[in-house]
C-alpha atoms as a PDB file:
ATOM      1  CA  UNK A   1     -13.807   7.557  -5.368  1.00  0.00           C
ATOM      2  CA  UNK A   2     -14.550   7.092  -1.869  1.00  0.00           C
ATOM      3  CA  UNK A   3     -16.322   4.016  -2.059  1.00  0.00           C
ATOM      4  CA  UNK A   4     -13.297   2.703  -4.468  1.00  0.00           C
ATOM      5  CA  UNK A   5     -11.178   3.526  -1.598  1.00  0.00           C
ATOM      6  CA  UNK A   6     -13.203   1.838   0.910  1.00  0.00           C
ATOM      7  CA  UNK A   7     -13.445  -1.358  -1.075  1.00  0.00           C
ATOM      8  CA  UNK A   8      -9.691  -1.405  -1.723  1.00  0.00           C
ATOM      9  CA  UNK A   9      -8.992  -0.586   1.570  1.00  0.00           C
ATOM     10  CA  UNK A  10     -10.926  -3.404   3.391  1.00  0.00           C
ATOM     11  CA  UNK A  11      -9.667  -5.750   0.809  1.00  0.00           C
ATOM     12  CA  UNK A  12      -5.828  -4.673   1.567  1.00  0.00           C
ATOM     13  CA  UNK A  13      -6.448  -4.801   5.043  1.00  0.00           C
ATOM     14  CA  UNK A  14      -7.792  -7.980   5.333  1.00  0.00           C
ATOM     15  CA  UNK A  15      -6.463 -10.003   2.315  1.00  0.00           C
ATOM     16  CA  UNK A  16      -3.258  -8.176   1.283  1.00  0.00           C
ATOM     17  CA  UNK A  17      -0.833 -11.019   1.673  1.00  0.00           C
ATOM     18  CA  UNK A  18      -3.327 -13.461  -0.189  1.00  0.00           C
ATOM     19  CA  UNK A  19      -4.446 -10.722  -2.979  1.00  0.00           C
ATOM     20  CA  UNK A  20      -0.808 -10.024  -3.625  1.00  0.00           C
ATOM     21  CA  UNK A  21      -1.549  -8.886  -7.123  1.00  0.00           C
ATOM     22  CA  UNK A  22      -4.292  -6.758  -5.842  1.00  0.00           C
ATOM     23  CA  UNK A  23      -1.901  -5.163  -3.552  1.00  0.00           C
ATOM     24  CA  UNK A  24       0.689  -4.197  -6.250  1.00  0.00           C
ATOM     25  CA  UNK A  25      -2.435  -3.100  -8.335  1.00  0.00           C
ATOM     26  CA  UNK A  26      -3.549  -0.649  -5.803  1.00  0.00           C
ATOM     27  CA  UNK A  27      -0.188   0.632  -4.973  1.00  0.00           C
ATOM     28  CA  UNK A  28       0.476   1.069  -8.676  1.00  0.00           C
ATOM     29  CA  UNK A  29      -2.849   3.296  -8.798  1.00  0.00           C
ATOM     30  CA  UNK A  30      -1.992   5.067  -5.806  1.00  0.00           C
ATOM     31  CA  UNK A  31       1.528   6.024  -7.302  1.00  0.00           C
ATOM     32  CA  UNK A  32       0.007   6.793 -10.455  1.00  0.00           C
ATOM     33  CA  UNK A  33      -2.183   9.186  -8.737  1.00  0.00           C
ATOM     34  CA  UNK A  34       0.768  10.898  -7.247  1.00  0.00           C
ATOM     35  CA  UNK A  35       2.717  10.947 -10.406  1.00  0.00           C
ATOM     36  CA  UNK A  36      -0.321  12.634 -12.129  1.00  0.00           C
ATOM     37  CA  UNK A  37      -0.348  15.294  -9.564  1.00  0.00           C
ATOM     38  CA  UNK A  38       3.168  15.817  -9.753  1.00  0.00           C
ATOM     39  CA  UNK A  39       2.847  16.616 -13.574  1.00  0.00           C
ATOM     40  CA  UNK A  40      -0.018  18.855 -13.302  1.00  0.00           C
ATOM     41  CA  UNK A  41      -2.837  16.401 -14.010  1.00  0.00           C
ATOM     42  CA  UNK A  42      -4.495  16.568 -10.295  1.00  0.00           C
ATOM     43  CA  UNK A  43      -7.973  16.500 -11.747  1.00  0.00           C
ATOM     44  CA  UNK A  44      -9.607  15.060 -14.715  1.00  0.00           C
ATOM     45  CA  UNK A  45      -9.610  11.883 -16.880  1.00  0.00           C
ATOM     46  CA  UNK A  46      -5.667  12.122 -17.542  1.00  0.00           C
ATOM     47  CA  UNK A  47      -5.222  11.588 -13.862  1.00  0.00           C
ATOM     48  CA  UNK A  48      -7.430   8.795 -13.441  1.00  0.00           C
ATOM     49  CA  UNK A  49      -6.546   6.925 -16.793  1.00  0.00           C
ATOM     50  CA  UNK A  50      -2.614   7.559 -15.926  1.00  0.00           C
ATOM     51  CA  UNK A  51      -3.601   5.982 -12.398  1.00  0.00           C
ATOM     52  CA  UNK A  52      -5.405   3.123 -13.921  1.00  0.00           C
ATOM     53  CA  UNK A  53      -2.774   2.222 -16.286  1.00  0.00           C
ATOM     54  CA  UNK A  54      -0.170   2.009 -13.929  1.00  0.00           C
ATOM     55  CA  UNK A  55      -2.538  -0.255 -11.449  1.00  0.00           C
ATOM     56  CA  UNK A  56      -3.384  -2.479 -14.057  1.00  0.00           C
ATOM     57  CA  UNK A  57       0.202  -2.810 -15.338  1.00  0.00           C
ATOM     58  CA  UNK A  58       1.183  -3.448 -11.470  1.00  0.00           C
ATOM     59  CA  UNK A  59      -1.509  -6.172 -11.235  1.00  0.00           C
ATOM     60  CA  UNK A  60      -0.531  -7.906 -14.556  1.00  0.00           C
ATOM     61  CA  UNK A  61       3.249  -7.853 -13.595  1.00  0.00           C
ATOM     62  CA  UNK A  62       2.541  -9.238 -10.450  1.00  0.00           C
ATOM     63  CA  UNK A  63       0.802 -12.185 -11.603  1.00  0.00           C
ATOM     64  CA  UNK A  64       3.486 -12.756 -14.427  1.00  0.00           C
ATOM     65  CA  UNK A  65       6.681 -12.079 -12.066  1.00  0.00           C
ATOM     66  CA  UNK A  66       5.167 -12.793  -8.672  1.00  0.00           C
ATOM     67  CA  UNK A  67       8.091 -12.534  -6.161  1.00  0.00           C
ATOM     68  CA  UNK A  68       9.810  -9.817  -8.234  1.00  0.00           C
ATOM     69  CA  UNK A  69       6.816  -7.553  -8.778  1.00  0.00           C
ATOM     70  CA  UNK A  70       5.613  -7.926  -5.255  1.00  0.00           C
ATOM     71  CA  UNK A  71       8.835  -7.134  -3.602  1.00  0.00           C
ATOM     72  CA  UNK A  72       9.339  -4.091  -6.065  1.00  0.00           C
ATOM     73  CA  UNK A  73       5.562  -2.977  -6.168  1.00  0.00           C
ATOM     74  CA  UNK A  74       4.724  -3.670  -2.686  1.00  0.00           C
ATOM     75  CA  UNK A  75       8.058  -3.050  -1.013  1.00  0.00           C
ATOM     76  CA  UNK A  76       9.526  -0.117  -3.018  1.00  0.00           C
ATOM     77  CA  UNK A  77       6.414   1.657  -4.011  1.00  0.00           C
ATOM     78  CA  UNK A  78       4.324   0.921  -1.119  1.00  0.00           C
ATOM     79  CA  UNK A  79       7.273   1.971   1.141  1.00  0.00           C
ATOM     80  CA  UNK A  80       7.873   4.924  -0.563  1.00  0.00           C
ATOM     81  CA  UNK A  81       3.995   5.868  -0.738  1.00  0.00           C
ATOM     82  CA  UNK A  82       3.670   5.371   2.991  1.00  0.00           C
ATOM     83  CA  UNK A  83       6.787   7.376   3.771  1.00  0.00           C
ATOM     84  CA  UNK A  84       5.224  10.367   1.729  1.00  0.00           C
ATOM     85  CA  UNK A  85       1.928  10.040   3.657  1.00  0.00           C
ATOM     86  CA  UNK A  86       4.159   9.916   6.944  1.00  0.00           C
ATOM     87  CA  UNK A  87       5.895  13.071   6.142  1.00  0.00           C
ATOM     88  CA  UNK A  88       3.411  14.890   4.184  1.00  0.00           C
ATOM     89  CA  UNK A  89       4.326  18.459   4.940  1.00  0.00           C
ATOM     90  CA  UNK A  90       8.118  17.712   4.177  1.00  0.00           C
ATOM     91  CA  UNK A  91       7.145  15.830   0.978  1.00  0.00           C
ATOM     92  CA  UNK A  92       5.186  18.550  -0.367  1.00  0.00           C
ATOM     93  CA  UNK A  93       7.306  21.407  -0.076  1.00  0.00           C
ATOM     94  CA  UNK A  94      10.735  20.150  -0.485  1.00  0.00           C
ATOM     95  CA  UNK A  95      12.220  20.108  -4.048  1.00  0.00           C
ATOM     96  CA  UNK A  96      13.943  17.015  -2.889  1.00  0.00           C
ATOM     97  CA  UNK A  97      10.680  15.195  -1.755  1.00  0.00           C
ATOM     98  CA  UNK A  98      11.519  12.295  -3.792  1.00  0.00           C
ATOM     99  CA  UNK A  99      14.309  11.520  -1.440  1.00  0.00           C
ATOM    100  CA  UNK A 100      11.857  10.608   1.001  1.00  0.00           C
ATOM    101  CA  UNK A 101       9.776   8.414  -1.575  1.00  0.00           C
ATOM    102  CA  UNK A 102      13.234   6.525  -2.461  1.00  0.00           C
ATOM    103  CA  UNK A 103      14.090   6.197   1.130  1.00  0.00           C
ATOM    104  CA  UNK A 104      10.492   4.612   2.034  1.00  0.00           C
ATOM    105  CA  UNK A 105      10.856   2.557  -0.890  1.00  0.00           C
ATOM    106  CA  UNK A 106      14.539   1.024   0.036  1.00  0.00           C
ATOM    107  CA  UNK A 107      13.294   0.246   3.618  1.00  0.00           C
ATOM    108  CA  UNK A 108      10.165  -1.298   2.043  1.00  0.00           C
ATOM    109  CA  UNK A 109      12.042  -3.494  -0.026  1.00  0.00           C
ATOM    110  CA  UNK A 110      14.787  -4.667   2.195  1.00  0.00           C
ATOM    111  CA  UNK A 111      11.881  -5.553   4.514  1.00  0.00           C
ATOM    112  CA  UNK A 112      10.410  -7.455   1.721  1.00  0.00           C
ATOM    113  CA  UNK A 113      13.289  -9.454   1.021  1.00  0.00           C
ATOM    114  CA  UNK A 114      14.144 -10.216   4.725  1.00  0.00           C
ATOM    115  CA  UNK A 115      10.801 -11.070   6.077  1.00  0.00           C
ATOM    116  CA  UNK A 116       8.322 -11.362   3.161  1.00  0.00           C
ATOM    117  CA  UNK A 117       5.120 -12.439   4.476  1.00  0.00           C
ATOM    118  CA  UNK A 118       5.407 -10.317   7.422  1.00  0.00           C
ATOM    119  CA  UNK A 119       6.149  -6.907   5.517  1.00  0.00           C
ATOM    120  CA  UNK A 120       3.256  -7.721   2.975  1.00  0.00           C
ATOM    121  CA  UNK A 121       0.917  -8.242   5.880  1.00  0.00           C
ATOM    122  CA  UNK A 122       2.187  -4.863   7.460  1.00  0.00           C
ATOM    123  CA  UNK A 123       2.324  -2.726   4.218  1.00  0.00           C
ATOM    124  CA  UNK A 124      -1.005  -4.039   2.723  1.00  0.00           C
ATOM    125  CA  UNK A 125      -2.738  -3.541   6.276  1.00  0.00           C
ATOM    126  CA  UNK A 126      -1.112   0.172   6.712  1.00  0.00           C
ATOM    127  CA  UNK A 127      -1.994   1.021   2.894  1.00  0.00           C
ATOM    128  CA  UNK A 128      -5.741  -0.327   3.302  1.00  0.00           C
ATOM    129  CA  UNK A 129      -6.310   1.372   6.591  1.00  0.00           C
ATOM    130  CA  UNK A 130      -4.958   4.567   5.074  1.00  0.00           C
ATOM    131  CA  UNK A 131      -7.481   4.347   2.380  1.00  0.00           C
ATOM    132  CA  UNK A 132     -10.409   3.664   4.702  1.00  0.00           C
ATOM    133  CA  UNK A 133      -9.408   6.327   7.439  1.00  0.00           C
ATOM    134  CA  UNK A 134      -9.041   8.952   4.730  1.00  0.00           C
ATOM    135  CA  UNK A 135     -12.422   8.800   3.566  1.00  0.00           C
ATOM    136  CA  UNK A 136     -13.942   9.696   6.935  1.00  0.00           C
ATOM    137  CA  UNK A 137     -13.656  13.467   7.949  1.00  0.00           C
ATOM    138  CA  UNK A 138     -13.315  13.290  11.696  1.00  0.00           C
ATOM    139  CA  UNK A 139     -11.199  14.491  14.455  1.00  0.00           C
ATOM    140  CA  UNK A 140      -7.420  13.469  14.695  1.00  0.00           C
ATOM    141  CA  UNK A 141      -7.986  11.688  17.928  1.00  0.00           C
ATOM    142  CA  UNK A 142     -10.931   9.481  16.296  1.00  0.00           C
ATOM    143  CA  UNK A 143      -8.876   9.200  13.499  1.00  0.00           C
ATOM    144  CA  UNK A 144      -5.946   7.842  15.244  1.00  0.00           C
ATOM    145  CA  UNK A 145      -8.055   5.362  17.279  1.00  0.00           C
ATOM    146  CA  UNK A 146      -9.657   4.234  13.825  1.00  0.00           C
ATOM    147  CA  UNK A 147      -6.426   3.764  12.133  1.00  0.00           C
ATOM    148  CA  UNK A 148      -5.113   1.704  14.799  1.00  0.00           C
ATOM    149  CA  UNK A 149      -7.997  -0.339  15.437  1.00  0.00           C
ATOM    150  CA  UNK A 150      -8.451  -1.152  11.764  1.00  0.00           C
ATOM    151  CA  UNK A 151      -4.799  -1.906  11.197  1.00  0.00           C
ATOM    152  CA  UNK A 152      -4.441  -4.152  14.303  1.00  0.00           C
ATOM    153  CA  UNK A 153      -7.462  -5.878  13.158  1.00  0.00           C
ATOM    154  CA  UNK A 154      -6.291  -6.380   9.812  1.00  0.00           C
ATOM    155  CA  UNK A 155      -2.813  -7.491  10.798  1.00  0.00           C
ATOM    156  CA  UNK A 156      -4.460 -10.075  13.185  1.00  0.00           C
ATOM    157  CA  UNK A 157      -6.924 -11.336  10.405  1.00  0.00           C
ATOM    158  CA  UNK A 158      -3.943 -11.979   7.903  1.00  0.00           C
ATOM    159  CA  UNK A 159      -1.732 -13.250  10.472  1.00  0.00           C
ATOM    160  CA  UNK A 160      -4.477 -16.073  11.250  1.00  0.00           C
ATOM    161  CA  UNK A 161      -4.717 -16.865   7.463  1.00  0.00           C
ATOM    162  CA  UNK A 162      -0.713 -16.842   7.499  1.00  0.00           C
ATOM    163  CA  UNK A 163      -0.856 -19.367  10.330  1.00  0.00           C
ATOM    164  CA  UNK A 164      -3.325 -21.592   8.793  1.00  0.00           C
ATOM    165  CA  UNK A 165      -1.383 -21.794   5.307  1.00  0.00           C
ATOM    166  CA  UNK A 166       1.867 -22.470   6.807  1.00  0.00           C
ATOM    167  CA  UNK A 167       0.694 -25.351   9.030  1.00  0.00           C
ATOM    168  CA  UNK A 168       0.640 -23.448  12.265  1.00  0.00           C
ATOM    169  CA  UNK A 169       4.386 -22.492  12.081  1.00  0.00           C
ATOM    170  CA  UNK A 170       3.655 -18.895  11.798  1.00  0.00           C
ATOM    171  CA  UNK A 171       6.690 -17.797   9.668  1.00  0.00           C
ATOM    172  CA  UNK A 172       7.551 -17.129   6.329  1.00  0.00           C
ATOM    173  CA  UNK A 173       5.987 -19.511   3.695  1.00  0.00           C
ATOM    174  CA  UNK A 174       8.612 -18.086   0.812  1.00  0.00           C
END
C-alpha cells in the first residue's frame, strides 16, 4: 500500500486538477477504506475490494458526469475525508463523528461550487500530501515541514498549469 499511496499522492499533488477523474477515484478509494473500517473490515480482502469498488465507481462516474461528480466526489467526499484527518481524535471517539465528515463535505462542496479550480487544486494537493507524508514515520516537526513543502510545491505546480490553460488569466476556467 505504501507504494500505491506514494504514486497516487504525487499524482494528486502535481496533477489533481488535470486528472480530476483520478482525484475522484482516489477519494472514493480513501472513503471506501474508511467505510470498510467502520463496518469492521479493517484488514483483508473485503476492505480492499470495497475501497477499490468505490474508487473505480467514482472514477467512472467522474468521466461520465464530470462537473457533478467532481463537485460531489472531490468537494463533499474529499472535504469530509480531510476534516476526519484534521480532527482525528474527535472523529474516532465520538458517536457523532459522521457530523465532522458532513461538515467537511458541505464546506468542500460549497468551495467547489464557488471557486472550482482553486478548490480542486487545494483539495487534491492536500489529499496527495496527506498520502505522501503518512508513508514516512518521522518526527512531528519534520512531518510538518514535509507537509508544507510538498503541499506548496503542488499548489504552485498546479497553479502554473492552470495559468497556462486559462491563457495567463489565472482564474476559474469553468
